[in-house]
């Protein structure tokens, strides 16, 4: 799903529940603002918890040794912070339920 698809679905959901109160352009601004808030919080090393959905966190990766694929020489990869997402129990259960219902080839 792309951001445009997300905006389309959110706009349609609002139109179904509350009537055509918001334009796609305004909905796109809301989605962009939400994503910017998530990015800003993560760049400030803060966690974001959305109940029923999951948690966005920053984890520190340790320094490690890797290999240059071209030469095979060992290369040290520096420690760095990386964003991670941990889904909530509800989200995991919902995904597992959908997988069980999907037809198998």
PDB file of N, CA and C in Angstrom:
ATOM      1  N   UNK A   1       0.850  -1.170   0.000  1.00  0.00           N
ATOM      2  CA  UNK A   1       0.000   0.000   0.000  1.00  0.00           C
ATOM      3  C   UNK A   1       0.898   1.235   0.000  1.00  0.00           C
ATOM      4  N   UNK A   2       0.616   2.153  -0.878  1.00  0.00           N
ATOM      5  CA  UNK A   2       1.379   3.395  -0.943  1.00  0.00           C
ATOM      6  C   UNK A   2       0.705   4.460  -0.085  1.00  0.00           C
ATOM      7  N   UNK A   3       1.399   5.589   0.071  1.00  0.00           N
ATOM      8  CA  UNK A   3       0.811   6.677   0.837  1.00  0.00           C
ATOM      9  C   UNK A   3      -0.455   7.186   0.162  1.00  0.00           C
ATOM     10  N   UNK A   4      -0.477   7.228  -1.153  1.00  0.00           N
ATOM     11  CA  UNK A   4      -1.674   7.663  -1.886  1.00  0.00           C
ATOM     12  C   UNK A   4      -2.839   6.705  -1.627  1.00  0.00           C
ATOM     13  N   UNK A   5      -2.558   5.400  -1.580  1.00  0.00           N
ATOM     14  CA  UNK A   5      -3.600   4.415  -1.264  1.00  0.00           C
ATOM     15  C   UNK A   5      -4.124   4.627   0.156  1.00  0.00           C
ATOM     16  N   UNK A   6      -3.211   4.926   1.072  1.00  0.00           N
ATOM     17  CA  UNK A   6      -3.600   5.180   2.450  1.00  0.00           C
ATOM     18  C   UNK A   6      -4.511   6.400   2.552  1.00  0.00           C
ATOM     19  N   UNK A   7      -4.142   7.465   1.863  1.00  0.00           N
ATOM     20  CA  UNK A   7      -4.971   8.682   1.854  1.00  0.00           C
ATOM     21  C   UNK A   7      -6.342   8.369   1.280  1.00  0.00           C
ATOM     22  N   UNK A   8      -6.379   7.596   0.223  1.00  0.00           N
ATOM     23  CA  UNK A   8      -7.651   7.218  -0.412  1.00  0.00           C
ATOM     24  C   UNK A   8      -8.538   6.440   0.565  1.00  0.00           C
ATOM     25  N   UNK A   9      -7.960   5.472   1.257  1.00  0.00           N
ATOM     26  CA  UNK A   9      -8.746   4.654   2.192  1.00  0.00           C
ATOM     27  C   UNK A   9      -9.228   5.463   3.387  1.00  0.00           C
ATOM     28  N   UNK A  10      -8.364   6.332   3.919  1.00  0.00           N
ATOM     29  CA  UNK A  10      -8.767   7.155   5.065  1.00  0.00           C
ATOM     30  C   UNK A  10      -9.884   8.108   4.658  1.00  0.00           C
ATOM     31  N   UNK A  11      -9.755   8.732   3.491  1.00  0.00           N
ATOM     32  CA  UNK A  11     -10.792   9.638   3.000  1.00  0.00           C
ATOM     33  C   UNK A  11     -12.113   8.892   2.824  1.00  0.00           C
ATOM     34  N   UNK A  12     -12.058   7.699   2.259  1.00  0.00           N
ATOM     35  CA  UNK A  12     -13.272   6.903   2.051  1.00  0.00           C
ATOM     36  C   UNK A  12     -13.892   6.503   3.380  1.00  0.00           C
ATOM     37  N   UNK A  13     -13.069   6.130   4.353  1.00  0.00           N
ATOM     38  CA  UNK A  13     -13.579   5.729   5.674  1.00  0.00           C
ATOM     39  C   UNK A  13     -14.265   6.912   6.358  1.00  0.00           C
ATOM     40  N   UNK A  14     -13.677   8.093   6.284  1.00  0.00           N
ATOM     41  CA  UNK A  14     -14.294   9.274   6.884  1.00  0.00           C
ATOM     42  C   UNK A  14     -15.601   9.594   6.176  1.00  0.00           C
ATOM     43  N   UNK A  15     -15.633   9.477   4.864  1.00  0.00           N
ATOM     44  CA  UNK A  15     -16.850   9.763   4.101  1.00  0.00           C
ATOM     45  C   UNK A  15     -17.967   8.787   4.476  1.00  0.00           C
ATOM     46  N   UNK A  16     -17.613   7.505   4.737  1.00  0.00           N
ATOM     47  CA  UNK A  16     -18.626   6.519   5.119  1.00  0.00           C
ATOM     48  C   UNK A  16     -19.189   6.794   6.506  1.00  0.00           C
ATOM     49  N   UNK A  17     -18.344   7.209   7.429  1.00  0.00           N
ATOM     50  CA  UNK A  17     -18.797   7.346   8.812  1.00  0.00           C
ATOM     51  C   UNK A  17     -19.321   8.733   9.153  1.00  0.00           C
ATOM     52  N   UNK A  18     -18.732   9.778   8.561  1.00  0.00           N
ATOM     53  CA  UNK A  18     -19.110  11.140   8.965  1.00  0.00           C
ATOM     54  C   UNK A  18     -19.597  11.992   7.811  1.00  0.00           C
ATOM     55  N   UNK A  19     -19.672  11.418   6.630  1.00  0.00           N
ATOM     56  CA  UNK A  19     -20.077  12.205   5.471  1.00  0.00           C
ATOM     57  C   UNK A  19     -18.872  12.858   4.813  1.00  0.00           C
ATOM     58  N   UNK A  20     -19.079  13.441   3.646  1.00  0.00           N
ATOM     59  CA  UNK A  20     -17.944  14.021   2.900  1.00  0.00           C
ATOM     60  C   UNK A  20     -17.472  15.340   3.526  1.00  0.00           C
ATOM     61  N   UNK A  21     -16.860  15.227   4.706  1.00  0.00           N
ATOM     62  CA  UNK A  21     -16.439  16.422   5.426  1.00  0.00           C
ATOM     63  C   UNK A  21     -14.997  16.829   5.125  1.00  0.00           C
ATOM     64  N   UNK A  22     -14.207  15.939   4.569  1.00  0.00           N
ATOM     65  CA  UNK A  22     -12.791  16.218   4.368  1.00  0.00           C
ATOM     66  C   UNK A  22     -12.405  15.877   2.938  1.00  0.00           C
ATOM     67  N   UNK A  23     -11.609  16.750   2.349  1.00  0.00           N
ATOM     68  CA  UNK A  23     -11.157  16.504   0.980  1.00  0.00           C
ATOM     69  C   UNK A  23      -9.922  15.599   1.006  1.00  0.00           C
ATOM     70  N   UNK A  24      -9.594  15.035  -0.157  1.00  0.00           N
ATOM     71  CA  UNK A  24      -8.391  14.202  -0.244  1.00  0.00           C
ATOM     72  C   UNK A  24      -7.154  15.025   0.079  1.00  0.00           C
ATOM     73  N   UNK A  25      -7.159  16.260  -0.340  1.00  0.00           N
ATOM     74  CA  UNK A  25      -6.010  17.134  -0.095  1.00  0.00           C
ATOM     75  C   UNK A  25      -5.805  17.354   1.406  1.00  0.00           C
ATOM     76  N   UNK A  26      -6.902  17.597   2.132  1.00  0.00           N
ATOM     77  CA  UNK A  26      -6.804  17.781   3.582  1.00  0.00           C
ATOM     78  C   UNK A  26      -6.408  16.479   4.271  1.00  0.00           C
ATOM     79  N   UNK A  27      -6.940  15.375   3.792  1.00  0.00           N
ATOM     80  CA  UNK A  27      -6.595  14.074   4.354  1.00  0.00           C
ATOM     81  C   UNK A  27      -5.108  13.776   4.122  1.00  0.00           C
ATOM     82  N   UNK A  28      -4.602  14.134   2.961  1.00  0.00           N
ATOM     83  CA  UNK A  28      -3.177  13.942   2.666  1.00  0.00           C
ATOM     84  C   UNK A  28      -2.324  14.767   3.625  1.00  0.00           C
ATOM     85  N   UNK A  29      -2.784  15.961   3.961  1.00  0.00           N
ATOM     86  CA  UNK A  29      -2.057  16.795   4.930  1.00  0.00           C
ATOM     87  C   UNK A  29      -2.028  16.131   6.301  1.00  0.00           C
ATOM     88  N   UNK A  30      -3.145  15.537   6.696  1.00  0.00           N
ATOM     89  CA  UNK A  30      -3.211  14.856   7.989  1.00  0.00           C
ATOM     90  C   UNK A  30      -2.257  13.665   8.005  1.00  0.00           C
ATOM     91  N   UNK A  31      -2.279  12.859   6.958  1.00  0.00           N
ATOM     92  CA  UNK A  31      -1.386  11.692   6.874  1.00  0.00           C
ATOM     93  C   UNK A  31       0.068  12.145   6.879  1.00  0.00           C
ATOM     94  N   UNK A  32       0.400  13.175   6.102  1.00  0.00           N
ATOM     95  CA  UNK A  32       1.769  13.703   6.079  1.00  0.00           C
ATOM     96  C   UNK A  32       2.188  14.226   7.448  1.00  0.00           C
ATOM     97  N   UNK A  33       1.280  14.916   8.123  1.00  0.00           N
ATOM     98  CA  UNK A  33       1.583  15.446   9.454  1.00  0.00           C
ATOM     99  C   UNK A  33       1.836  14.326  10.452  1.00  0.00           C
ATOM    100  N   UNK A  34       1.028  13.269  10.373  1.00  0.00           N
ATOM    101  CA  UNK A  34       1.228  12.120  11.252  1.00  0.00           C
ATOM    102  C   UNK A  34       2.594  11.479  11.001  1.00  0.00           C
ATOM    103  N   UNK A  35       2.913  11.257   9.744  1.00  0.00           N
ATOM    104  CA  UNK A  35       4.199  10.633   9.424  1.00  0.00           C
ATOM    105  C   UNK A  35       5.364  11.527   9.832  1.00  0.00           C
ATOM    106  N   UNK A  36       5.226  12.840   9.657  1.00  0.00           N
ATOM    107  CA  UNK A  36       6.270  13.773  10.091  1.00  0.00           C
ATOM    108  C   UNK A  36       6.451  13.728  11.606  1.00  0.00           C
ATOM    109  N   UNK A  37       5.351  13.624  12.349  1.00  0.00           N
ATOM    110  CA  UNK A  37       5.431  13.541  13.807  1.00  0.00           C
ATOM    111  C   UNK A  37       6.165  12.269  14.229  1.00  0.00           C
ATOM    112  N   UNK A  38       5.894  11.157  13.548  1.00  0.00           N
ATOM    113  CA  UNK A  38       6.589   9.901  13.846  1.00  0.00           C
ATOM    114  C   UNK A  38       8.077  10.059  13.548  1.00  0.00           C
ATOM    115  N   UNK A  39       8.403  10.617  12.391  1.00  0.00           N
ATOM    116  CA  UNK A  39       9.818  10.805  12.029  1.00  0.00           C
ATOM    117  C   UNK A  39      10.538  11.714  13.016  1.00  0.00           C
ATOM    118  N   UNK A  40       9.886  12.817  13.407  1.00  0.00           N
ATOM    119  CA  UNK A  40      10.500  13.752  14.347  1.00  0.00           C
ATOM    120  C   UNK A  40      10.760  13.093  15.695  1.00  0.00           C
ATOM    121  N   UNK A  41       9.779  12.338  16.183  1.00  0.00           N
ATOM    122  CA  UNK A  41       9.943  11.671  17.478  1.00  0.00           C
ATOM    123  C   UNK A  41      11.081  10.653  17.422  1.00  0.00           C
ATOM    124  N   UNK A  42      11.137   9.875  16.357  1.00  0.00           N
ATOM    125  CA  UNK A  42      12.200   8.874  16.240  1.00  0.00           C
ATOM    126  C   UNK A  42      13.571   9.527  16.083  1.00  0.00           C
ATOM    127  N   UNK A  43      13.638  10.633  15.357  1.00  0.00           N
ATOM    128  CA  UNK A  43      14.927  11.311  15.200  1.00  0.00           C
ATOM    129  C   UNK A  43      15.388  11.942  16.510  1.00  0.00           C
ATOM    130  N   UNK A  44      14.440  12.236  17.416  1.00  0.00           N
ATOM    131  CA  UNK A  44      14.776  12.745  18.752  1.00  0.00           C
ATOM    132  C   UNK A  44      14.987  11.611  19.753  1.00  0.00           C
ATOM    133  N   UNK A  45      15.057  10.362  19.253  1.00  0.00           N
ATOM    134  CA  UNK A  45      15.289   9.165  20.071  1.00  0.00           C
ATOM    135  C   UNK A  45      14.149   8.899  21.051  1.00  0.00           C
ATOM    136  N   UNK A  46      12.917   9.263  20.685  1.00  0.00           N
ATOM    137  CA  UNK A  46      11.752   9.002  21.524  1.00  0.00           C
ATOM    138  C   UNK A  46      10.934   7.862  20.922  1.00  0.00           C
ATOM    139  N   UNK A  47      10.329   7.051  21.793  1.00  0.00           N
ATOM    140  CA  UNK A  47       9.472   5.954  21.355  1.00  0.00           C
ATOM    141  C   UNK A  47       8.062   6.467  21.116  1.00  0.00           C
ATOM    142  N   UNK A  48       7.329   5.777  20.248  1.00  0.00           N
ATOM    143  CA  UNK A  48       5.944   6.120  19.957  1.00  0.00           C
ATOM    144  C   UNK A  48       5.115   4.871  20.179  1.00  0.00           C
ATOM    145  N   UNK A  49       4.114   4.976  21.049  1.00  0.00           N
ATOM    146  CA  UNK A  49       3.240   3.842  21.328  1.00  0.00           C
ATOM    147  C   UNK A  49       1.831   4.198  20.875  1.00  0.00           C
ATOM    148  N   UNK A  50       1.300   3.395  19.967  1.00  0.00           N
ATOM    149  CA  UNK A  50      -0.074   3.561  19.493  1.00  0.00           C
ATOM    150  C   UNK A  50      -0.829   2.324  19.954  1.00  0.00           C
ATOM    151  N   UNK A  51      -1.676   2.500  20.951  1.00  0.00           N
ATOM    152  CA  UNK A  51      -2.405   1.379  21.555  1.00  0.00           C
ATOM    153  C   UNK A  51      -3.229   0.640  20.502  1.00  0.00           C
ATOM    154  N   UNK A  52      -3.146  -0.681  20.529  1.00  0.00           N
ATOM    155  CA  UNK A  52      -3.875  -1.496  19.584  1.00  0.00           C
ATOM    156  C   UNK A  52      -3.191  -1.627  18.233  1.00  0.00           C
ATOM    157  N   UNK A  53      -2.084  -0.902  18.018  1.00  0.00           N
ATOM    158  CA  UNK A  53      -1.373  -0.973  16.746  1.00  0.00           C
ATOM    159  C   UNK A  53       0.050  -1.466  16.960  1.00  0.00           C
ATOM    160  N   UNK A  54       0.831  -0.740  17.763  1.00  0.00           N
ATOM    161  CA  UNK A  54       2.194  -1.160  18.017  1.00  0.00           C
ATOM    162  C   UNK A  54       3.058  -0.030  18.526  1.00  0.00           C
ATOM    163  N   UNK A  55       4.359  -0.296  18.613  1.00  0.00           N
ATOM    164  CA  UNK A  55       5.312   0.659  19.145  1.00  0.00           C
ATOM    165  C   UNK A  55       6.470   0.833  18.169  1.00  0.00           C
ATOM    166  N   UNK A  56       6.796   2.079  17.899  1.00  0.00           N
ATOM    167  CA  UNK A  56       7.987   2.420  17.129  1.00  0.00           C
ATOM    168  C   UNK A  56       9.065   2.779  18.139  1.00  0.00           C
ATOM    169  N   UNK A  57      10.229   2.155  18.009  1.00  0.00           N
ATOM    170  CA  UNK A  57      11.324   2.398  18.947  1.00  0.00           C
ATOM    171  C   UNK A  57      12.616   2.619  18.183  1.00  0.00           C
ATOM    172  N   UNK A  58      13.604   3.141  18.908  1.00  0.00           N
ATOM    173  CA  UNK A  58      14.963   3.251  18.392  1.00  0.00           C
ATOM    174  C   UNK A  58      15.808   2.243  19.161  1.00  0.00           C
ATOM    175  N   UNK A  59      16.498   1.374  18.448  1.00  0.00           N
ATOM    176  CA  UNK A  59      17.401   0.408  19.054  1.00  0.00           C
ATOM    177  C   UNK A  59      18.821   0.736  18.626  1.00  0.00           C
ATOM    178  N   UNK A  60      19.753   0.423  19.486  1.00  0.00           N
ATOM    179  CA  UNK A  60      21.171   0.632  19.166  1.00  0.00           C
ATOM    180  C   UNK A  60      21.751  -0.671  18.653  1.00  0.00           C
ATOM    181  N   UNK A  61      22.281  -0.631  17.460  1.00  0.00           N
ATOM    182  CA  UNK A  61      22.994  -1.794  16.927  1.00  0.00           C
ATOM    183  C   UNK A  61      24.444  -1.692  17.365  1.00  0.00           C
ATOM    184  N   UNK A  62      24.998  -2.798  17.782  1.00  0.00           N
ATOM    185  CA  UNK A  62      26.386  -2.820  18.220  1.00  0.00           C
ATOM    186  C   UNK A  62      27.323  -2.819  17.018  1.00  0.00           C
ATOM    187  N   UNK A  63      28.560  -2.472  17.271  1.00  0.00           N
ATOM    188  CA  UNK A  63      29.588  -2.575  16.246  1.00  0.00           C
ATOM    189  C   UNK A  63      29.753  -4.051  15.903  1.00  0.00           C
ATOM    190  N   UNK A  64      29.905  -4.340  14.601  1.00  0.00           N
ATOM    191  CA  UNK A  64      30.031  -5.736  14.200  1.00  0.00           C
ATOM    192  C   UNK A  64      30.990  -5.833  13.019  1.00  0.00           C
ATOM    193  N   UNK A  65      31.417  -7.038  12.781  1.00  0.00           N
ATOM    194  CA  UNK A  65      32.292  -7.290  11.638  1.00  0.00           C
ATOM    195  C   UNK A  65      31.444  -7.858  10.497  1.00  0.00           C
ATOM    196  N   UNK A  66      31.678  -7.341   9.305  1.00  0.00           N
ATOM    197  CA  UNK A  66      30.992  -7.827   8.107  1.00  0.00           C
ATOM    198  C   UNK A  66      32.055  -8.115   7.058  1.00  0.00           C
ATOM    199  N   UNK A  67      31.623  -8.546   5.892  1.00  0.00           N
ATOM    200  CA  UNK A  67      32.573  -8.839   4.804  1.00  0.00           C
ATOM    201  C   UNK A  67      32.204  -8.020   3.585  1.00  0.00           C
ATOM    202  N   UNK A  68      33.208  -7.521   2.913  1.00  0.00           N
ATOM    203  CA  UNK A  68      33.008  -6.852   1.633  1.00  0.00           C
ATOM    204  C   UNK A  68      32.665  -7.949   0.627  1.00  0.00           C
ATOM    205  N   UNK A  69      31.477  -7.896   0.001  1.00  0.00           N
ATOM    206  CA  UNK A  69      31.083  -8.992  -0.896  1.00  0.00           C
ATOM    207  C   UNK A  69      31.965  -9.114  -2.135  1.00  0.00           C
ATOM    208  N   UNK A  70      32.573  -8.030  -2.548  1.00  0.00           N
ATOM    209  CA  UNK A  70      33.404  -8.056  -3.751  1.00  0.00           C
ATOM    210  C   UNK A  70      34.771  -8.678  -3.484  1.00  0.00           C
ATOM    211  N   UNK A  71      35.397  -8.277  -2.351  1.00  0.00           N
ATOM    212  CA  UNK A  71      36.759  -8.745  -2.078  1.00  0.00           C
ATOM    213  C   UNK A  71      36.826  -9.815  -0.999  1.00  0.00           C
ATOM    214  N   UNK A  72      35.794  -9.901  -0.159  1.00  0.00           N
ATOM    215  CA  UNK A  72      35.804 -10.863   0.931  1.00  0.00           C
ATOM    216  C   UNK A  72      36.552 -10.366   2.155  1.00  0.00           C
ATOM    217  N   UNK A  73      37.089  -9.143   2.099  1.00  0.00           N
ATOM    218  CA  UNK A  73      37.820  -8.585   3.234  1.00  0.00           C
ATOM    219  C   UNK A  73      36.865  -8.246   4.374  1.00  0.00           C
ATOM    220  N   UNK A  74      37.310  -8.449   5.619  1.00  0.00           N
ATOM    221  CA  UNK A  74      36.464  -8.061   6.750  1.00  0.00           C
ATOM    222  C   UNK A  74      36.379  -6.535   6.863  1.00  0.00           C
ATOM    223  N   UNK A  75      35.190  -6.056   7.198  1.00  0.00           N
ATOM    224  CA  UNK A  75      34.950  -4.624   7.337  1.00  0.00           C
ATOM    225  C   UNK A  75      34.202  -4.410   8.646  1.00  0.00           C
ATOM    226  N   UNK A  76      34.617  -3.408   9.412  1.00  0.00           N
ATOM    227  CA  UNK A  76      33.925  -3.108  10.655  1.00  0.00           C
ATOM    228  C   UNK A  76      32.754  -2.171  10.372  1.00  0.00           C
ATOM    229  N   UNK A  77      31.567  -2.558  10.828  1.00  0.00           N
ATOM    230  CA  UNK A  77      30.364  -1.728  10.686  1.00  0.00           C
ATOM    231  C   UNK A  77      30.145  -1.050  12.034  1.00  0.00           C
ATOM    232  N   UNK A  78      30.102   0.266  12.016  1.00  0.00           N
ATOM    233  CA  UNK A  78      30.002   1.045  13.253  1.00  0.00           C
ATOM    234  C   UNK A  78      28.635   0.854  13.917  1.00  0.00           C
ATOM    235  N   UNK A  79      28.615   1.093  15.224  1.00  0.00           N
ATOM    236  CA  UNK A  79      27.352   1.057  15.977  1.00  0.00           C
ATOM    237  C   UNK A  79      26.484   2.209  15.498  1.00  0.00           C
ATOM    238  N   UNK A  80      25.167   1.966  15.476  1.00  0.00           N
ATOM    239  CA  UNK A  80      24.260   3.018  15.017  1.00  0.00           C
ATOM    240  C   UNK A  80      22.854   2.755  15.525  1.00  0.00           C
ATOM    241  N   UNK A  81      22.072   3.809  15.670  1.00  0.00           N
ATOM    242  CA  UNK A  81      20.673   3.621  16.054  1.00  0.00           C
ATOM    243  C   UNK A  81      19.839   3.260  14.828  1.00  0.00           C
ATOM    244  N   UNK A  82      18.864   2.353  15.007  1.00  0.00           N
ATOM    245  CA  UNK A  82      17.975   1.956  13.916  1.00  0.00           C
ATOM    246  C   UNK A  82      16.532   1.963  14.414  1.00  0.00           C
ATOM    247  N   UNK A  83      15.592   2.374  13.565  1.00  0.00           N
ATOM    248  CA  UNK A  83      14.191   2.326  13.969  1.00  0.00           C
ATOM    249  C   UNK A  83      13.651   0.903  13.844  1.00  0.00           C
ATOM    250  N   UNK A  84      12.812   0.507  14.799  1.00  0.00           N
ATOM    251  CA  UNK A  84      12.168  -0.803  14.766  1.00  0.00           C
ATOM    252  C   UNK A  84      10.687  -0.619  15.096  1.00  0.00           C
ATOM    253  N   UNK A  85       9.872  -1.567  14.636  1.00  0.00           N
ATOM    254  CA  UNK A  85       8.443  -1.558  14.928  1.00  0.00           C
ATOM    255  C   UNK A  85       8.076  -2.867  15.590  1.00  0.00           C
ATOM    256  N   UNK A  86       7.377  -2.794  16.711  1.00  0.00           N
ATOM    257  CA  UNK A  86       6.898  -3.991  17.400  1.00  0.00           C
ATOM    258  C   UNK A  86       5.377  -3.934  17.391  1.00  0.00           C
ATOM    259  N   UNK A  87       4.728  -4.841  16.663  1.00  0.00           N
ATOM    260  CA  UNK A  87       3.265  -4.827  16.609  1.00  0.00           C
ATOM    261  C   UNK A  87       2.649  -5.224  17.941  1.00  0.00           C
ATOM    262  N   UNK A  88       1.446  -4.714  18.195  1.00  0.00           N
ATOM    263  CA  UNK A  88       0.717  -5.061  19.417  1.00  0.00           C
ATOM    264  C   UNK A  88       0.162  -6.479  19.296  1.00  0.00           C
ATOM    265  N   UNK A  89      -0.270  -7.011  20.423  1.00  0.00           N
ATOM    266  CA  UNK A  89      -0.873  -8.347  20.426  1.00  0.00           C
ATOM    267  C   UNK A  89      -2.112  -8.374  19.537  1.00  0.00           C
ATOM    268  N   UNK A  90      -2.903  -7.291  19.601  1.00  0.00           N
ATOM    269  CA  UNK A  90      -4.128  -7.226  18.799  1.00  0.00           C
ATOM    270  C   UNK A  90      -3.816  -7.266  17.310  1.00  0.00           C
ATOM    271  N   UNK A  91      -2.799  -6.524  16.889  1.00  0.00           N
ATOM    272  CA  UNK A  91      -2.432  -6.497  15.467  1.00  0.00           C
ATOM    273  C   UNK A  91      -1.900  -7.856  15.020  1.00  0.00           C
ATOM    274  N   UNK A  92      -1.056  -8.454  15.856  1.00  0.00           N
ATOM    275  CA  UNK A  92      -0.532  -9.782  15.508  1.00  0.00           C
ATOM    276  C   UNK A  92      -1.658 -10.801  15.386  1.00  0.00           C
ATOM    277  N   UNK A  93      -2.627 -10.748  16.306  1.00  0.00           N
ATOM    278  CA  UNK A  93      -3.754 -11.684  16.259  1.00  0.00           C
ATOM    279  C   UNK A  93      -4.593 -11.454  15.006  1.00  0.00           C
ATOM    280  N   UNK A  94      -4.786 -10.194  14.636  1.00  0.00           N
ATOM    281  CA  UNK A  94      -5.582  -9.876  13.445  1.00  0.00           C
ATOM    282  C   UNK A  94      -4.901 -10.396  12.178  1.00  0.00           C
ATOM    283  N   UNK A  95      -3.589 -10.233  12.094  1.00  0.00           N
ATOM    284  CA  UNK A  95      -2.846 -10.715  10.922  1.00  0.00           C
ATOM    285  C   UNK A  95      -2.882 -12.240  10.866  1.00  0.00           C
ATOM    286  N   UNK A  96      -2.722 -12.893  12.010  1.00  0.00           N
ATOM    287  CA  UNK A  96      -2.752 -14.357  12.049  1.00  0.00           C
ATOM    288  C   UNK A  96      -4.130 -14.870  11.647  1.00  0.00           C
ATOM    289  N   UNK A  97      -5.175 -14.180  12.074  1.00  0.00           N
ATOM    290  CA  UNK A  97      -6.536 -14.582  11.728  1.00  0.00           C
ATOM    291  C   UNK A  97      -6.772 -14.466  10.227  1.00  0.00           C
ATOM    292  N   UNK A  98      -6.283 -13.389   9.629  1.00  0.00           N
ATOM    293  CA  UNK A  98      -6.442 -13.211   8.177  1.00  0.00           C
ATOM    294  C   UNK A  98      -5.684 -14.283   7.412  1.00  0.00           C
ATOM    295  N   UNK A  99      -4.506 -14.645   7.912  1.00  0.00           N
ATOM    296  CA  UNK A  99      -3.704 -15.664   7.228  1.00  0.00           C
ATOM    297  C   UNK A  99      -4.400 -17.013   7.260  1.00  0.00           C
ATOM    298  N   UNK A 100      -5.063 -17.314   8.364  1.00  0.00           N
ATOM    299  CA  UNK A 100      -5.777 -18.591   8.481  1.00  0.00           C
ATOM    300  C   UNK A 100      -6.952 -18.645   7.509  1.00  0.00           C
ATOM    301  N   UNK A 101      -7.569 -17.488   7.259  1.00  0.00           N
ATOM    302  CA  UNK A 101      -8.749 -17.431   6.395  1.00  0.00           C
ATOM    303  C   UNK A 101      -8.373 -17.415   4.907  1.00  0.00           C
ATOM    304  N   UNK A 102      -7.127 -17.068   4.590  1.00  0.00           N
ATOM    305  CA  UNK A 102      -6.712 -16.962   3.187  1.00  0.00           C
ATOM    306  C   UNK A 102      -6.693 -18.342   2.546  1.00  0.00           C
ATOM    307  N   UNK A 103      -7.148 -18.435   1.279  1.00  0.00           N
ATOM    308  CA  UNK A 103      -7.123 -19.728   0.587  1.00  0.00           C
ATOM    309  C   UNK A 103      -5.689 -20.158   0.300  1.00  0.00           C
ATOM    310  N   UNK A 104      -5.437 -21.433   0.469  1.00  0.00           N
ATOM    311  CA  UNK A 104      -4.090 -21.963   0.228  1.00  0.00           C
ATOM    312  C   UNK A 104      -4.013 -22.523  -1.182  1.00  0.00           C
ATOM    313  N   UNK A 105      -2.884 -22.277  -1.858  1.00  0.00           N
ATOM    314  CA  UNK A 105      -2.736 -22.759  -3.244  1.00  0.00           C
ATOM    315  C   UNK A 105      -2.601 -24.249  -3.358  1.00  0.00           C
TER     316      UNK A 105
END
